């Protein structure tokens, strides 16, 4: 989406500490993108390290193997109010879409959850290799949105092993649950659990409610899991738009 208050500027992910006068060296993939965008030495670009730093500076060198950016200014961005997303192991493409959009909305962490219904999905997104694809999609979303914080990726787990602390509000999306407003009025960070296609099995839901999860509905209709995840994060983000961590 174009912004009227700023000039168009390419943003690249730099997995490093960003400091004024430092040279940030980015790899072959960034060099390819720079060529596609017809960037040249001297063009100003923006860097984000996914850890709260946004840097500005000109490209000082372009090679086939990478580019160098001379950092001229660094801005520290406070972390947004944390929203933790727990997504079902499900269809690969739809999981990637959810990861992308949730990153644009500024989630603090992502964890894939294996439900009983996850085993019947093919092709499903699971395992370390798919985890790398999720992270790559998140990085691309961070670059596109100009965000400063990359979600933390937690190890894939099962329904009975989803962690949350007493300082967090565990929310499981369920069409017969209470309204989001009924559990979203406090200042505790929410942990939002999205069930698989076809719903959460009754015994799984029982385990969750016994463990302290709050059942919450989003709409009068049944939502696909990626729609539910995006809608939940969007609604919560709007509630805490001006609250930093």
Protein backbone atom coordinates (compact mmCIF):
# COMPACT_ATOMS: atom_id res chain seq x y z
CA UNK A 1 0.00 0.00 0.00
CA UNK A 2 1.41 3.40 -0.98
CA UNK A 3 1.97 6.01 1.71
CA UNK A 4 1.52 9.69 0.87
CA UNK A 5 3.77 10.83 3.71
CA UNK A 6 6.93 9.12 2.53
CA UNK A 7 8.84 8.53 -0.68
CA UNK A 8 8.88 4.97 -2.02
CA UNK A 9 11.94 3.20 -0.63
CA UNK A 10 13.08 -0.41 -0.82
CA UNK A 11 13.35 -2.19 2.52
CA UNK A 12 15.66 -5.14 3.08
CA UNK A 13 16.09 -7.49 6.03
CA UNK A 14 19.53 -7.42 7.67
CA UNK A 15 20.00 -10.04 10.35
CA UNK A 16 22.59 -8.03 12.27
CA UNK A 17 23.01 -5.19 14.72
CA UNK A 18 22.58 -1.88 12.89
CA UNK A 19 24.80 1.03 13.88
CA UNK A 20 25.55 4.43 12.34
CA UNK A 21 28.61 4.39 10.01
CA UNK A 22 28.61 0.59 9.88
CA UNK A 23 28.57 -1.30 6.58
CA UNK A 24 25.69 -3.76 6.31
CA UNK A 25 26.44 -6.53 3.83
CA UNK A 26 23.41 -8.29 2.40
CA UNK A 27 23.45 -11.50 0.40
CA UNK A 28 22.87 -12.74 -3.13
CA UNK A 29 19.08 -12.76 -2.88
CA UNK A 30 19.04 -9.08 -1.94
CA UNK A 31 21.45 -8.33 -4.78
CA UNK A 32 19.01 -10.02 -7.16
CA UNK A 33 16.12 -7.95 -5.81
CA UNK A 34 18.20 -4.79 -6.14
CA UNK A 35 18.86 -5.55 -9.81
CA UNK A 36 15.19 -6.30 -10.43
CA UNK A 37 14.26 -2.96 -8.83
CA UNK A 38 17.03 -1.27 -10.85
CA UNK A 39 18.72 0.06 -7.76
CA UNK A 40 22.19 1.52 -8.17
CA UNK A 41 25.07 2.64 -5.98
CA UNK A 42 23.96 5.77 -4.14
CA UNK A 43 20.28 4.83 -3.92
CA UNK A 44 18.85 5.17 -0.42
CA UNK A 45 17.39 2.02 1.09
CA UNK A 46 15.88 1.05 4.41
CA UNK A 47 17.07 -1.87 6.54
CA UNK A 48 15.21 -3.72 9.25
CA UNK A 49 16.82 -6.30 11.51
CA UNK A 50 13.60 -7.67 12.96
CA UNK A 51 14.78 -6.78 16.45
CA UNK A 52 13.50 -3.22 16.66
CA UNK A 53 16.05 -1.31 14.57
CA UNK A 54 15.28 0.52 11.32
CA UNK A 55 18.27 1.95 9.44
CA UNK A 56 18.62 4.26 6.45
CA UNK A 57 21.56 4.62 4.12
CA UNK A 58 22.83 4.49 0.55
CA UNK A 59 23.94 1.42 -1.35
CA UNK A 60 27.73 1.65 -1.44
CA UNK A 61 28.48 -1.45 -3.53
CA UNK A 62 26.58 -3.93 -5.68
CA UNK A 63 28.01 -7.34 -6.54
CA UNK A 64 26.48 -10.51 -7.90
CA UNK A 65 26.99 -12.08 -4.48
CA UNK A 66 25.49 -9.22 -2.48
CA UNK A 67 25.28 -5.50 -1.74
CA UNK A 68 26.77 -3.17 0.84
CA UNK A 69 24.77 -0.44 2.56
CA UNK A 70 26.42 2.36 4.54
CA UNK A 71 24.23 3.04 7.57
CA UNK A 72 23.66 6.77 8.07
CA UNK A 73 20.82 6.73 10.60
CA UNK A 74 19.22 4.22 12.95
CA UNK A 75 15.80 4.47 14.56
CA UNK A 76 14.77 2.24 17.48
CA UNK A 77 11.13 1.15 17.30
CA UNK A 78 9.41 -0.02 20.51
CA UNK A 79 7.90 -3.48 20.29
CA UNK A 80 4.12 -3.36 19.75
CA UNK A 81 1.72 -4.84 22.26
CA UNK A 82 2.52 -8.58 22.03
CA UNK A 83 0.04 -10.89 20.35
CA UNK A 84 1.08 -14.54 20.24
CA UNK A 85 -0.37 -16.73 17.48
CA UNK A 86 -0.69 -20.51 17.61
CA UNK A 87 -1.65 -21.87 14.18
CA UNK A 88 -2.75 -25.37 13.19
CA UNK A 89 -0.57 -27.68 11.16
CA UNK A 90 -2.67 -27.52 8.01
CA UNK A 91 -2.50 -26.81 4.27
CA UNK A 92 0.95 -25.41 3.45
CA UNK A 93 -0.06 -22.51 1.25
CA UNK A 94 -2.75 -21.33 3.63
CA UNK A 95 -0.37 -21.53 6.60
CA UNK A 96 2.12 -19.40 4.69
CA UNK A 97 -0.60 -16.87 3.89
CA UNK A 98 -1.52 -16.65 7.58
CA UNK A 99 2.13 -16.27 8.59
CA UNK A 100 2.58 -13.46 6.08
CA UNK A 101 -0.48 -11.47 7.09
CA UNK A 102 0.07 -12.01 10.81
CA UNK A 103 3.60 -10.66 10.44
CA UNK A 104 2.29 -7.54 8.72
CA UNK A 105 -0.04 -7.08 11.70
CA UNK A 106 2.85 -7.38 14.13
CA UNK A 107 2.51 -10.68 16.01
CA UNK A 108 5.16 -11.36 18.64
CA UNK A 109 5.45 -15.13 18.15
CA UNK A 110 4.27 -18.02 16.00
CA UNK A 111 3.93 -21.69 16.87
CA UNK A 112 2.53 -24.52 14.76
CA UNK A 113 0.19 -26.89 16.61
CA UNK A 114 -0.54 -30.50 15.66
CA UNK A 115 -4.23 -31.32 16.09
CA UNK A 116 -5.84 -34.69 15.43
CA UNK A 117 -7.31 -33.32 12.20
CA UNK A 118 -3.86 -32.15 11.10
CA UNK A 119 -2.89 -35.71 10.18
CA UNK A 120 -5.53 -35.94 7.44
CA UNK A 121 -4.27 -32.85 5.59
CA UNK A 122 -2.13 -33.17 2.47
CA UNK A 123 0.09 -31.40 1.71
CA UNK A 124 0.47 -30.13 5.26
CA UNK A 125 3.01 -27.67 6.57
CA UNK A 126 5.22 -29.24 9.19
CA UNK A 127 8.82 -29.97 10.03
CA UNK A 128 12.05 -27.94 10.03
CA UNK A 129 12.16 -27.37 6.26
CA UNK A 130 8.65 -25.94 6.24
CA UNK A 131 9.56 -23.86 9.29
CA UNK A 132 12.29 -22.23 7.21
CA UNK A 133 9.70 -21.40 4.54
CA UNK A 134 7.46 -19.82 7.16
CA UNK A 135 10.34 -17.67 8.39
CA UNK A 136 11.25 -16.65 4.83
CA UNK A 137 7.64 -15.60 4.21
CA UNK A 138 7.70 -13.62 7.45
CA UNK A 139 10.92 -11.86 6.42
CA UNK A 140 9.37 -10.92 3.07
CA UNK A 141 6.29 -9.59 4.87
CA UNK A 142 8.47 -7.56 7.22
CA UNK A 143 10.30 -6.01 4.26
CA UNK A 144 7.05 -5.24 2.44
CA UNK A 145 5.40 -3.66 5.48
CA UNK A 146 8.48 -1.82 6.75
CA UNK A 147 8.08 -3.47 10.15
CA UNK A 148 10.76 -3.53 12.81
CA UNK A 149 9.96 -6.75 14.66
CA UNK A 150 10.15 -10.28 13.25
CA UNK A 151 7.96 -12.82 15.08
CA UNK A 152 9.73 -15.34 17.28
CA UNK A 153 9.26 -18.86 15.94
CA UNK A 154 8.63 -21.52 18.57
CA UNK A 155 9.07 -25.24 18.09
CA UNK A 156 6.08 -27.12 16.70
CA UNK A 157 4.08 -28.90 19.40
CA UNK A 158 0.82 -30.69 20.26
CA UNK A 159 -2.46 -29.45 21.73
CA UNK A 160 -1.60 -30.74 25.20
CA UNK A 161 1.78 -28.97 25.27
CA UNK A 162 1.04 -25.38 24.25
CA UNK A 163 2.86 -23.08 26.67
CA UNK A 164 1.47 -19.90 28.17
CA UNK A 165 2.23 -17.99 31.35
CA UNK A 166 0.09 -16.45 34.09
CA UNK A 167 0.89 -13.05 32.55
CA UNK A 168 -0.88 -14.02 29.32
CA UNK A 169 -4.50 -14.62 28.29
CA UNK A 170 -4.95 -17.94 26.43
CA UNK A 171 -7.71 -17.64 23.81
CA UNK A 172 -8.96 -20.49 21.64
CA UNK A 173 -11.18 -19.55 18.71
CA UNK A 174 -14.51 -21.37 18.81
CA UNK A 175 -17.80 -20.55 17.10
CA UNK A 176 -19.79 -21.19 20.28
CA UNK A 177 -17.51 -19.20 22.58
CA UNK A 178 -17.87 -15.79 24.19
CA UNK A 179 -17.22 -12.50 22.42
CA UNK A 180 -13.66 -11.29 22.08
CA UNK A 181 -14.51 -8.20 24.12
CA UNK A 182 -15.29 -10.39 27.12
CA UNK A 183 -11.65 -11.46 27.47
CA UNK A 184 -9.82 -8.66 25.69
CA UNK A 185 -10.36 -5.74 28.02
CA UNK A 186 -7.28 -6.25 30.19
CA UNK A 187 -3.63 -5.49 29.49
CA UNK A 188 -2.31 -9.05 29.48
CA UNK A 189 -0.90 -10.22 26.11
CA UNK A 190 -3.18 -12.76 24.41
CA UNK A 191 -2.10 -16.15 23.12
CA UNK A 192 -4.48 -16.88 20.24
CA UNK A 193 -5.00 -20.52 19.27
CA UNK A 194 -6.58 -21.22 15.86
CA UNK A 195 -8.04 -24.67 15.29
CA UNK A 196 -7.71 -26.82 12.16
CA UNK A 197 -10.06 -27.11 9.23
CA UNK A 198 -13.13 -29.02 10.43
CA UNK A 199 -12.76 -27.78 13.99
CA UNK A 200 -11.14 -28.87 17.22
CA UNK A 201 -12.15 -32.34 18.44
CA UNK A 202 -14.29 -32.35 21.63
CA UNK A 203 -11.63 -34.10 23.71
CA UNK A 204 -9.01 -31.59 22.55
CA UNK A 205 -11.28 -28.68 23.44
CA UNK A 206 -11.92 -30.22 26.85
CA UNK A 207 -8.17 -30.41 27.51
CA UNK A 208 -7.81 -26.77 26.49
CA UNK A 209 -10.63 -25.44 28.66
CA UNK A 210 -9.44 -27.49 31.63
CA UNK A 211 -5.99 -25.93 31.14
CA UNK A 212 -7.50 -22.43 31.31
CA UNK A 213 -8.10 -21.49 27.67
CA UNK A 214 -10.97 -19.06 27.01
CA UNK A 215 -13.30 -19.97 24.13
CA UNK A 216 -13.91 -16.94 21.89
CA UNK A 217 -16.00 -16.45 18.75
CA UNK A 218 -15.30 -13.98 15.97
CA UNK A 219 -18.26 -14.24 13.61
CA UNK A 220 -21.70 -15.82 13.20
CA UNK A 221 -20.32 -18.00 10.41
CA UNK A 222 -17.63 -20.69 10.26
CA UNK A 223 -14.30 -19.18 9.24
CA UNK A 224 -11.43 -20.94 7.52
CA UNK A 225 -8.44 -21.14 9.81
CA UNK A 226 -6.36 -18.51 8.01
CA UNK A 227 -9.32 -16.11 7.93
CA UNK A 228 -9.94 -16.68 11.64
CA UNK A 229 -6.29 -16.07 12.50
CA UNK A 230 -6.07 -12.86 10.49
CA UNK A 231 -9.39 -11.61 11.86
CA UNK A 232 -8.41 -12.33 15.48
CA UNK A 233 -5.02 -10.66 15.25
CA UNK A 234 -6.52 -7.67 13.42
CA UNK A 235 -9.24 -7.20 16.03
CA UNK A 236 -6.83 -7.47 18.95
CA UNK A 237 -4.27 -5.20 17.28
CA UNK A 238 -6.93 -2.51 16.82
CA UNK A 239 -7.77 -2.76 20.52
CA UNK A 240 -4.16 -2.16 21.54
CA UNK A 241 -2.88 -0.11 18.62
CA UNK A 242 -1.22 2.54 20.79
CA UNK A 243 0.10 0.20 23.50
CA UNK A 244 3.79 -0.76 23.37
CA UNK A 245 5.44 -3.64 25.17
